[in-house]
Amino acid sequence: MEFLMSLSEGTQFSIQLIIVLICLFYGAKKGGIALGLLGGVGLLVLAFGFDVQPGKPAVSVMLTILAVVVASATLQASGGLDVMLQIAERILRRNPRFLTILAPFVTCFLTILCGTGHVVYTMMPIIYDIAIKNGIRPERPMAASSISSQMGIIASPVSVAVVSLTAFLLNAKTHLAGFDGYVDLLKITIPATLCGVLVVGIFSWFRGKDLDKDEEFQERLKDEEFKKYVYGDSKTLLGVKLPGVQWAAMWIFLGAIAIVAILGAFPELRPHFEVKGVSKPMSMVDTIQMFMLLAGSALLIFTKVDAGKIGKNEIFRSGMIALVAVFGISWMADTMFAVHTPMMKAALGSVVQDYPWTYAIMLLLISKFVNSQAAAIAAFVPLALGIGVHPAIIVAFAPACYGYYILPTYPSDLATIQFDRSGTTHIGKFVINHSFILPGLIGVFSSCVFGYLFAMFAGYLG
């Protein structure tokens, strides 16, 4: 190992970066929990091969993921999520003509409320059924809805990405004037995200051929079996009388989110503690963790949900995969980048400062590598702050943390393809030309543009 230590810092960094990228690519290829586990391989090489002192995993981020996921999974187990979905379906079925515009907003709002994009799975069969029964090309609302559900994460008051980004900005050596935390970030990301979702919906309205003009689709319809498969049984929650306890579950969860938002907007309502002789309000990270655990507890007590079902549903499973991914990836990234921050600041600092948009591109690509917005933020934002990226740029380009639509490997995108029985939502011959790439690029780009404008209006950017 002495040979590795004798190499120049630039050479060591190049070798370490290659090792980290191999771990990321192989982990992403294997899918599931592998991405987080492969972080351990990278850490082992860095510590034992290059004598790099291990950094610190993003413990606060991981604990917030755990609290939010448990609360959301309890909501699903209690049936409260079904109430939300029924309300969403009622809105969409009353306005089928505007499905391509409304459906992305519905999935985005569900994500904003629940803090996870995985709630989209249950909406997709409903969106497909409304589209196909009204002669709308399913690819239009379905691809847009899948993308918009993930765009909503950076606008959610209970998402790990928002909480962790706020913590990094507040702890930065260069404080952003006028930025006091959680709510100030949401004031930028919520309107920027919603504007981006609108642009995605407008673009999707005109994409692809109408079904009656799609020669390939019409040819396939001549097969009666295919036609029956395409126009098969409707998926609906309408007409299903949901018991009052499920409505109570929804209101308990939404009430907890409302309280979190109020406490974020009014720090004086939170307990204050002496920190180095200065009275400071309890952090929003701790606040969210507490109230998400409280929400889960209230659901258990008042809705009599079977606790055994909580750990078995899709939200819990996906959340635990995200937890392991953030653990392995953030720890590995912090270990490698911390030791090389001075060198990277000298090499990249001026470039990012002269061309701020390069920060957004880097964050976008890292998000693709790690398949997680929270993990991308945990891996890159501390480094960006360390090399001199202005906090205002990080706020403005926050939506760039969503880049895992670039390749169609994310579970929500793959599920959407399966739910579209017409085959219009698809992966192209060259893989990169799939149904989600254009809505994703358009949505994130437009959200970043609007984020920049809103950051200017807020006075963060000159």
Protein backbone atom coordinates (compact mmCIF):
# COMPACT_ATOMS: atom_id res chain seq x y z
CA MET A 1 0.00 0.00 0.00
CA GLU A 2 3.03 2.27 0.34
CA PHE A 3 3.18 2.43 -3.46
CA LEU A 4 -0.31 3.96 -3.60
CA MET A 5 0.59 6.45 -0.89
CA SER A 6 3.69 7.55 -2.82
CA LEU A 7 1.64 8.68 -5.82
CA SER A 8 0.78 12.34 -6.32
CA GLU A 9 -2.51 13.60 -4.86
CA GLY A 10 -3.98 14.05 -8.33
CA THR A 11 -3.15 10.45 -9.28
CA GLN A 12 -4.51 9.11 -6.01
CA PHE A 13 -7.71 11.08 -6.50
CA SER A 14 -8.12 9.73 -10.05
CA ILE A 15 -7.69 6.14 -8.90
CA GLN A 16 -10.07 6.64 -5.99
CA LEU A 17 -12.65 8.28 -8.24
CA ILE A 18 -12.49 5.32 -10.65
CA ILE A 19 -13.02 2.93 -7.74
CA VAL A 20 -15.98 4.94 -6.46
CA LEU A 21 -17.54 5.09 -9.94
CA ILE A 22 -17.11 1.33 -10.37
CA CYS A 23 -18.93 0.80 -7.07
CA LEU A 24 -21.71 3.17 -8.15
CA PHE A 25 -22.18 1.70 -11.62
CA TYR A 26 -22.06 -1.91 -10.44
CA GLY A 27 -24.39 -1.16 -7.54
CA ALA A 28 -26.84 0.63 -9.86
CA LYS A 29 -26.69 -2.29 -12.29
CA LYS A 30 -27.46 -4.84 -9.60
CA GLY A 31 -30.27 -2.62 -8.30
CA GLY A 32 -32.10 -2.65 -5.01
CA ILE A 33 -30.00 -2.56 -1.88
CA ALA A 34 -26.74 -3.26 -3.73
CA LEU A 35 -25.91 0.42 -4.22
CA GLY A 36 -25.54 1.03 -0.50
CA LEU A 37 -23.66 -2.20 0.12
CA LEU A 38 -21.10 -1.43 -2.59
CA GLY A 39 -20.27 1.76 -0.70
CA GLY A 40 -18.61 -0.50 1.86
CA VAL A 41 -16.23 -1.84 -0.80
CA GLY A 42 -15.20 1.68 -1.74
CA LEU A 43 -14.68 2.58 1.93
CA LEU A 44 -12.51 -0.48 2.49
CA VAL A 45 -10.23 0.40 -0.44
CA LEU A 46 -9.97 4.05 0.63
CA ALA A 47 -9.17 3.25 4.27
CA PHE A 48 -6.87 0.23 3.88
CA GLY A 49 -5.46 0.98 0.44
CA PHE A 50 -4.93 4.74 0.59
CA ASP A 51 -4.87 5.26 4.37
CA VAL A 52 -7.76 7.73 4.14
CA GLN A 53 -9.51 8.37 7.45
CA PRO A 54 -13.17 7.36 7.17
CA GLY A 55 -15.57 10.26 7.09
CA LYS A 56 -18.98 10.42 8.70
CA PRO A 57 -22.15 8.85 7.31
CA ALA A 58 -25.16 11.17 7.05
CA VAL A 59 -26.72 9.89 10.28
CA SER A 60 -29.29 12.69 10.65
CA VAL A 61 -30.42 12.15 7.06
CA MET A 62 -30.70 8.41 7.61
CA LEU A 63 -32.74 8.82 10.79
CA THR A 64 -35.07 11.25 9.03
CA ILE A 65 -35.55 8.74 6.22
CA LEU A 66 -36.38 6.11 8.82
CA ALA A 67 -38.94 8.31 10.61
CA VAL A 68 -40.67 9.51 7.43
CA VAL A 69 -40.76 6.05 5.85
CA VAL A 70 -42.22 4.44 8.99
CA ALA A 71 -44.94 7.11 9.19
CA SER A 72 -45.78 6.82 5.48
CA ALA A 73 -45.78 3.02 5.62
CA THR A 74 -48.10 3.15 8.63
CA LEU A 75 -50.39 5.46 6.66
CA GLN A 76 -50.51 2.91 3.85
CA ALA A 77 -51.11 0.01 6.24
CA SER A 78 -53.94 1.93 7.93
CA GLY A 79 -55.70 2.58 4.62
CA GLY A 80 -55.28 6.36 4.82
CA LEU A 81 -53.36 6.36 1.54
CA ASP A 82 -56.37 4.78 -0.20
CA VAL A 83 -58.44 7.82 0.80
CA MET A 84 -55.90 10.15 -0.82
CA LEU A 85 -55.88 8.02 -3.95
CA GLN A 86 -59.68 7.96 -4.11
CA ILE A 87 -59.81 11.76 -3.92
CA ALA A 88 -57.12 12.00 -6.61
CA GLU A 89 -59.02 9.59 -8.87
CA ARG A 90 -62.24 11.55 -8.44
CA ILE A 91 -60.46 14.71 -9.65
CA LEU A 92 -58.99 12.96 -12.69
CA ARG A 93 -62.13 11.11 -13.80
CA ARG A 94 -64.19 14.30 -13.66
CA ASN A 95 -61.76 16.00 -16.04
CA PRO A 96 -60.54 13.33 -18.49
CA ARG A 97 -59.92 15.85 -21.27
CA PHE A 98 -57.23 17.54 -19.16
CA LEU A 99 -55.71 14.28 -17.88
CA THR A 100 -52.25 15.00 -19.28
CA ILE A 101 -52.09 18.27 -17.35
CA LEU A 102 -53.87 17.19 -14.16
CA ALA A 103 -52.33 13.74 -13.61
CA PRO A 104 -48.74 15.07 -13.18
CA PHE A 105 -49.99 17.61 -10.64
CA VAL A 106 -51.88 14.89 -8.75
CA THR A 107 -48.85 12.59 -8.47
CA CYS A 108 -46.61 15.55 -7.59
CA PHE A 109 -48.95 16.65 -4.79
CA LEU A 110 -49.16 13.10 -3.43
CA THR A 111 -45.37 13.05 -3.22
CA ILE A 112 -45.29 16.48 -1.57
CA LEU A 113 -47.74 15.27 1.08
CA CYS A 114 -46.15 11.86 1.71
CA GLY A 115 -42.46 12.67 1.17
CA THR A 116 -41.92 9.75 -1.19
CA GLY A 117 -42.54 9.24 -4.90
CA HIS A 118 -43.42 5.60 -4.42
CA VAL A 119 -47.10 6.48 -3.87
CA VAL A 120 -47.29 6.78 -7.66
CA TYR A 121 -47.59 3.01 -8.14
CA THR A 122 -51.23 2.88 -7.12
CA MET A 123 -52.16 5.87 -9.30
CA MET A 124 -50.72 4.48 -12.54
CA PRO A 125 -53.43 1.86 -13.27
CA ILE A 126 -56.05 4.59 -12.71
CA ILE A 127 -54.30 7.06 -15.02
CA TYR A 128 -53.96 4.36 -17.67
CA ASP A 129 -57.61 3.40 -17.45
CA ILE A 130 -58.80 7.00 -17.81
CA ALA A 131 -56.45 7.60 -20.74
CA ILE A 132 -57.26 4.48 -22.76
CA LYS A 133 -61.03 4.82 -22.21
CA ASN A 134 -60.92 8.41 -23.49
CA GLY A 135 -58.70 7.80 -26.52
CA ILE A 136 -55.68 9.56 -24.97
CA ARG A 137 -52.26 8.16 -25.76
CA PRO A 138 -51.33 6.65 -22.33
CA GLU A 139 -47.68 7.59 -22.71
CA ARG A 140 -48.58 11.27 -22.42
CA PRO A 141 -50.04 11.37 -18.88
CA MET A 142 -48.23 8.28 -17.57
CA ALA A 143 -44.64 9.27 -18.36
CA ALA A 144 -45.35 12.84 -17.23
CA SER A 145 -46.91 11.58 -13.99
CA SER A 146 -43.98 9.30 -13.20
CA ILE A 147 -41.51 12.15 -13.72
CA SER A 148 -43.64 14.63 -11.75
CA SER A 149 -43.99 12.27 -8.81
CA GLN A 150 -40.20 12.33 -8.39
CA MET A 151 -39.96 16.08 -9.03
CA GLY A 152 -42.19 16.59 -6.00
CA ILE A 153 -39.57 15.25 -3.57
CA ILE A 154 -37.55 18.47 -3.49
CA ALA A 155 -40.80 20.37 -2.75
CA SER A 156 -41.99 18.12 0.09
CA PRO A 157 -41.85 19.39 3.68
CA VAL A 158 -41.31 15.82 4.89
CA SER A 159 -38.77 14.62 2.32
CA VAL A 160 -35.25 13.74 3.33
CA ALA A 161 -33.84 15.71 0.40
CA VAL A 162 -35.38 18.98 1.66
CA VAL A 163 -34.39 18.44 5.29
CA SER A 164 -30.80 17.43 4.50
CA LEU A 165 -30.31 20.28 2.00
CA THR A 166 -31.58 22.77 4.58
CA ALA A 167 -29.18 21.40 7.19
CA PHE A 168 -26.19 21.69 4.84
CA LEU A 169 -27.08 25.28 3.93
CA LEU A 170 -27.56 26.36 7.53
CA ASN A 171 -24.27 24.77 8.60
CA ALA A 172 -22.30 26.22 5.68
CA LYS A 173 -19.38 28.52 6.49
CA THR A 174 -20.80 31.05 4.03
CA HIS A 175 -24.26 31.88 5.33
CA LEU A 176 -26.89 32.95 2.82
CA ALA A 177 -28.25 36.32 3.91
CA GLY A 178 -31.98 36.20 4.58
CA PHE A 179 -32.09 32.38 4.51
CA ASP A 180 -33.26 31.08 7.86
CA GLY A 181 -33.93 27.50 6.88
CA TYR A 182 -36.57 25.02 6.00
CA VAL A 183 -39.48 27.23 4.92
CA ASP A 184 -37.21 29.60 2.97
CA LEU A 185 -36.05 26.66 0.86
CA LEU A 186 -39.62 25.50 0.24
CA LYS A 187 -40.58 29.02 -0.85
CA ILE A 188 -38.24 28.47 -3.79
CA THR A 189 -38.62 24.75 -4.50
CA ILE A 190 -42.42 24.45 -4.31
CA PRO A 191 -43.29 27.11 -6.93
CA ALA A 192 -40.29 26.14 -9.09
CA THR A 193 -41.36 22.47 -9.03
CA LEU A 194 -45.01 23.23 -9.80
CA CYS A 195 -43.98 25.46 -12.73
CA GLY A 196 -41.78 22.62 -13.99
CA VAL A 197 -44.66 20.14 -13.69
CA LEU A 198 -46.88 22.48 -15.71
CA VAL A 199 -44.25 22.67 -18.46
CA VAL A 200 -44.00 18.86 -18.47
CA GLY A 201 -47.79 18.55 -18.81
CA ILE A 202 -47.96 21.06 -21.67
CA PHE A 203 -45.14 19.31 -23.53
CA SER A 204 -46.69 15.88 -22.97
CA TRP A 205 -50.08 17.05 -24.29
CA PHE A 206 -48.59 17.18 -27.79
CA ARG A 207 -46.10 14.31 -27.74
CA GLY A 208 -46.52 11.17 -29.84
CA LYS A 209 -49.33 10.28 -32.20
CA ASP A 210 -52.98 10.17 -31.21
CA LEU A 211 -54.04 6.55 -30.82
CA ASP A 212 -56.40 6.70 -33.80
CA LYS A 213 -53.52 7.94 -35.97
CA ASP A 214 -50.88 5.57 -34.68
CA GLU A 215 -50.57 3.00 -37.48
CA GLU A 216 -48.55 0.54 -35.40
CA PHE A 217 -51.03 0.62 -32.52
CA GLN A 218 -54.05 0.30 -34.84
CA GLU A 219 -52.45 -2.68 -36.57
CA ARG A 220 -51.90 -4.42 -33.24
CA LEU A 221 -55.52 -3.74 -32.26
CA LYS A 222 -56.66 -6.10 -35.03
CA ASP A 223 -55.59 -8.89 -32.70
CA GLU A 224 -58.66 -9.44 -30.50
CA GLU A 225 -56.57 -10.79 -27.63
CA PHE A 226 -54.40 -7.68 -27.64
CA LYS A 227 -57.45 -5.44 -27.86
CA LYS A 228 -59.03 -7.19 -24.88
CA TYR A 229 -55.76 -6.85 -22.96
CA VAL A 230 -55.47 -3.12 -23.75
CA TYR A 231 -59.08 -2.24 -22.91
CA GLY A 232 -59.45 -4.80 -20.12
CA ASP A 233 -60.87 -4.42 -16.64
CA SER A 234 -61.05 -0.94 -15.17
CA LYS A 235 -59.03 -0.11 -12.09
CA THR A 236 -60.95 2.20 -9.79
CA LEU A 237 -61.50 3.20 -6.20
CA LEU A 238 -64.67 5.11 -7.05
CA GLY A 239 -67.79 3.63 -5.54
CA VAL A 240 -65.73 1.92 -2.85
CA LYS A 241 -67.01 3.05 0.55
CA LEU A 242 -63.93 3.50 2.67
CA PRO A 243 -64.51 3.21 6.43
CA GLY A 244 -64.28 6.30 8.62
CA VAL A 245 -61.15 5.00 10.32
CA GLN A 246 -59.27 5.31 7.02
CA TRP A 247 -60.39 8.93 6.66
CA ALA A 248 -59.20 9.53 10.21
CA ALA A 249 -55.84 8.03 9.31
CA MET A 250 -55.45 10.47 6.42
CA TRP A 251 -56.31 13.48 8.60
CA ILE A 252 -53.89 12.37 11.32
CA PHE A 253 -51.05 12.18 8.81
CA LEU A 254 -51.92 15.48 7.11
CA GLY A 255 -52.29 17.12 10.52
CA ALA A 256 -48.75 16.07 11.43
CA ILE A 257 -47.44 17.53 8.17
CA ALA A 258 -49.32 20.79 8.81
CA ILE A 259 -47.80 21.08 12.28
CA VAL A 260 -44.31 20.46 10.87
CA ALA A 261 -44.87 23.20 8.26
CA ILE A 262 -46.08 25.66 10.95
CA LEU A 263 -43.10 24.91 13.20
CA GLY A 264 -40.81 25.42 10.23
CA ALA A 265 -42.39 28.77 9.44
CA PHE A 266 -42.36 29.97 13.05
CA PRO A 267 -39.13 28.87 14.80
CA GLU A 268 -40.23 30.65 17.98
CA LEU A 269 -42.84 27.89 18.49
CA ARG A 270 -40.12 25.26 18.81
CA PRO A 271 -38.29 24.57 22.09
CA HIS A 272 -35.13 26.66 22.49
CA PHE A 273 -31.87 25.36 23.90
CA GLU A 274 -28.59 26.95 24.89
CA VAL A 275 -25.86 26.16 22.34
CA LYS A 276 -22.47 27.71 23.16
CA GLY A 277 -24.19 30.43 25.14
CA VAL A 278 -26.71 31.22 22.40
CA SER A 279 -30.40 30.28 22.54
CA LYS A 280 -31.36 28.40 19.38
CA PRO A 281 -34.61 26.67 18.34
CA MET A 282 -34.69 22.91 18.05
CA SER A 283 -33.57 21.88 14.56
CA MET A 284 -36.11 21.00 11.89
CA VAL A 285 -34.36 17.66 11.43
CA ASP A 286 -35.24 16.70 15.01
CA THR A 287 -38.71 18.26 14.66
CA ILE A 288 -39.59 16.23 11.57
CA GLN A 289 -38.28 13.03 13.12
CA MET A 290 -40.36 13.55 16.26
CA PHE A 291 -43.60 14.41 14.49
CA MET A 292 -43.28 11.60 11.96
CA LEU A 293 -42.83 9.14 14.82
CA LEU A 294 -45.78 10.81 16.56
CA ALA A 295 -47.89 10.46 13.40
CA GLY A 296 -47.04 6.76 13.17
CA SER A 297 -47.85 6.28 16.84
CA ALA A 298 -51.18 8.10 16.53
CA LEU A 299 -52.11 5.95 13.55
CA LEU A 300 -51.31 2.80 15.52
CA ILE A 301 -53.33 3.94 18.53
CA PHE A 302 -56.41 5.44 16.88
CA THR A 303 -56.81 3.35 13.71
CA LYS A 304 -55.85 -0.01 15.24
CA VAL A 305 -53.62 -0.80 12.28
CA ASP A 306 -51.90 -4.19 12.31
CA ALA A 307 -48.29 -3.29 13.18
CA GLY A 308 -47.12 -6.44 11.42
CA LYS A 309 -48.26 -5.06 8.06
CA ILE A 310 -46.19 -1.89 8.28
CA GLY A 311 -42.89 -3.54 7.47
CA LYS A 312 -44.32 -5.52 4.56
CA ASN A 313 -45.67 -2.84 2.23
CA GLU A 314 -44.04 -1.13 -0.76
CA ILE A 315 -43.36 2.20 0.92
CA PHE A 316 -41.45 0.59 3.79
CA ARG A 317 -39.45 -1.69 1.51
CA SER A 318 -38.46 1.11 -0.87
CA GLY A 319 -37.65 3.40 2.03
CA MET A 320 -35.30 0.91 3.64
CA ILE A 321 -33.49 0.47 0.33
CA ALA A 322 -33.07 4.26 0.18
CA LEU A 323 -31.79 4.24 3.77
CA VAL A 324 -29.05 1.71 2.99
CA ALA A 325 -28.15 3.57 -0.22
CA VAL A 326 -27.72 6.87 1.63
CA PHE A 327 -25.68 5.11 4.34
CA GLY A 328 -23.15 3.53 1.99
CA ILE A 329 -22.99 6.27 -0.64
CA SER A 330 -22.83 9.29 1.67
CA TRP A 331 -20.18 7.67 3.86
CA MET A 332 -18.02 6.71 0.88
CA ALA A 333 -18.40 10.12 -0.78
CA ASP A 334 -17.63 12.03 2.42
CA THR A 335 -14.55 9.90 3.00
CA MET A 336 -13.11 10.46 -0.48
CA PHE A 337 -14.02 14.09 -1.09
CA ALA A 338 -13.15 15.44 2.38
CA VAL A 339 -9.46 14.63 2.02
CA HIS A 340 -9.28 16.16 -1.48
CA THR A 341 -11.46 19.24 -0.99
CA PRO A 342 -8.55 21.75 -1.07
CA MET A 343 -7.26 20.32 -4.35
CA MET A 344 -10.75 20.25 -5.90
CA LYS A 345 -11.42 23.79 -4.73
CA ALA A 346 -8.30 24.96 -6.53
CA ALA A 347 -9.17 23.00 -9.67
CA LEU A 348 -12.95 23.47 -9.89
CA GLY A 349 -13.82 26.41 -7.67
CA SER A 350 -13.25 29.11 -10.29
CA VAL A 351 -15.05 27.10 -12.98
CA VAL A 352 -18.21 26.66 -10.91
CA GLN A 353 -18.13 30.27 -9.79
CA ASP A 354 -17.73 31.54 -13.37
CA TYR A 355 -20.29 29.10 -14.78
CA PRO A 356 -22.84 28.38 -12.00
CA TRP A 357 -24.90 26.11 -14.24
CA THR A 358 -22.09 23.52 -14.11
CA TYR A 359 -23.12 22.85 -10.50
CA ALA A 360 -26.58 21.80 -11.68
CA ILE A 361 -25.12 19.45 -14.30
CA MET A 362 -22.78 17.81 -11.77
CA LEU A 363 -25.61 17.34 -9.25
CA LEU A 364 -27.85 15.90 -11.99
CA LEU A 365 -25.24 13.32 -13.02
CA ILE A 366 -24.46 12.32 -9.44
CA SER A 367 -28.18 11.79 -8.85
CA LYS A 368 -28.19 9.33 -11.74
CA PHE A 369 -25.24 7.48 -10.28
CA VAL A 370 -26.81 7.10 -6.84
CA ASN A 371 -30.49 6.86 -7.91
CA SER A 372 -31.56 9.03 -4.98
CA GLN A 373 -32.10 12.75 -4.52
CA ALA A 374 -31.23 12.64 -0.83
CA ALA A 375 -28.08 10.62 -1.51
CA ALA A 376 -27.04 12.98 -4.31
CA ILE A 377 -27.44 15.97 -1.99
CA ALA A 378 -25.58 14.21 0.83
CA ALA A 379 -22.73 13.30 -1.52
CA PHE A 380 -22.30 16.53 -3.47
CA VAL A 381 -23.66 19.59 -1.63
CA PRO A 382 -21.02 19.54 1.17
CA LEU A 383 -18.32 19.27 -1.50
CA ALA A 384 -19.89 22.07 -3.55
CA LEU A 385 -19.99 24.34 -0.50
CA GLY A 386 -16.40 23.38 0.27
CA ILE A 387 -15.11 24.40 -3.18
CA GLY A 388 -16.86 27.74 -3.06
CA VAL A 389 -20.26 27.28 -4.73
CA HIS A 390 -22.46 30.10 -3.45
CA PRO A 391 -25.38 28.84 -1.30
CA ALA A 392 -27.80 30.89 -3.44
CA ILE A 393 -26.85 28.78 -6.48
CA ILE A 394 -27.48 25.61 -4.48
CA VAL A 395 -30.94 26.87 -3.51
CA ALA A 396 -31.78 28.01 -7.05
CA PHE A 397 -30.73 24.75 -8.68
CA ALA A 398 -32.11 22.42 -6.00
CA PRO A 399 -34.40 20.64 -8.55
CA ALA A 400 -31.26 19.38 -10.34
CA CYS A 401 -30.93 16.69 -7.66
CA TYR A 402 -33.37 14.60 -9.75
CA GLY A 403 -31.49 12.93 -12.59
CA TYR A 404 -32.20 9.23 -12.30
CA TYR A 405 -34.69 9.36 -15.18
CA ILE A 406 -31.75 9.57 -17.63
CA LEU A 407 -31.69 5.79 -17.88
CA PRO A 408 -34.97 3.88 -17.41
CA THR A 409 -33.82 1.93 -14.36
CA TYR A 410 -35.80 3.54 -11.54
CA PRO A 411 -38.63 1.42 -10.07
CA SER A 412 -41.40 3.98 -10.68
CA ASP A 413 -40.45 4.31 -14.37
CA LEU A 414 -40.22 0.54 -14.85
CA ALA A 415 -43.57 0.07 -13.10
CA THR A 416 -45.16 2.72 -15.32
CA ILE A 417 -44.03 0.84 -18.42
CA GLN A 418 -45.66 -2.31 -17.09
CA PHE A 419 -48.92 -0.54 -16.22
CA ASP A 420 -49.24 0.84 -19.77
CA ARG A 421 -50.77 -2.17 -21.50
CA SER A 422 -50.98 -0.30 -24.80
CA GLY A 423 -47.19 -0.31 -25.08
CA THR A 424 -46.93 3.41 -25.83
CA THR A 425 -44.81 4.02 -22.71
CA HIS A 426 -41.65 2.18 -23.63
CA ILE A 427 -37.87 1.83 -23.68
CA GLY A 428 -36.47 2.55 -27.14
CA LYS A 429 -34.07 0.50 -29.22
CA PHE A 430 -31.09 2.50 -27.98
CA VAL A 431 -32.26 2.45 -24.32
CA ILE A 432 -31.60 6.18 -23.85
CA ASN A 433 -34.53 7.02 -26.16
CA HIS A 434 -37.23 6.03 -23.68
CA SER A 435 -40.52 7.67 -22.75
CA PHE A 436 -39.18 9.48 -19.66
CA ILE A 437 -36.05 11.18 -20.97
CA LEU A 438 -37.69 14.24 -22.58
CA PRO A 439 -40.26 14.94 -19.82
CA GLY A 440 -37.46 14.52 -17.28
CA LEU A 441 -35.01 16.85 -18.99
CA ILE A 442 -37.71 19.43 -19.71
CA GLY A 443 -39.13 19.26 -16.18
CA VAL A 444 -35.81 19.56 -14.35
CA PHE A 445 -34.44 22.23 -16.71
CA SER A 446 -37.55 24.39 -16.43
CA SER A 447 -37.70 23.91 -12.62
CA CYS A 448 -34.09 25.07 -12.37
CA VAL A 449 -34.83 28.12 -14.53
CA PHE A 450 -37.82 29.03 -12.39
CA GLY A 451 -35.82 28.25 -9.23
CA TYR A 452 -33.17 30.71 -10.38
CA LEU A 453 -35.81 33.37 -11.05
CA PHE A 454 -37.53 32.83 -7.68
CA ALA A 455 -34.14 32.96 -5.91
CA MET A 456 -33.55 36.31 -7.61
CA PHE A 457 -36.97 37.60 -6.52
CA ALA A 458 -36.19 36.45 -2.95
CA GLY A 459 -33.01 38.51 -3.00
CA TYR A 460 -30.61 35.57 -2.76
CA LEU A 461 -29.07 36.25 -6.17
CA GLY A 462 -27.89 39.66 -7.32
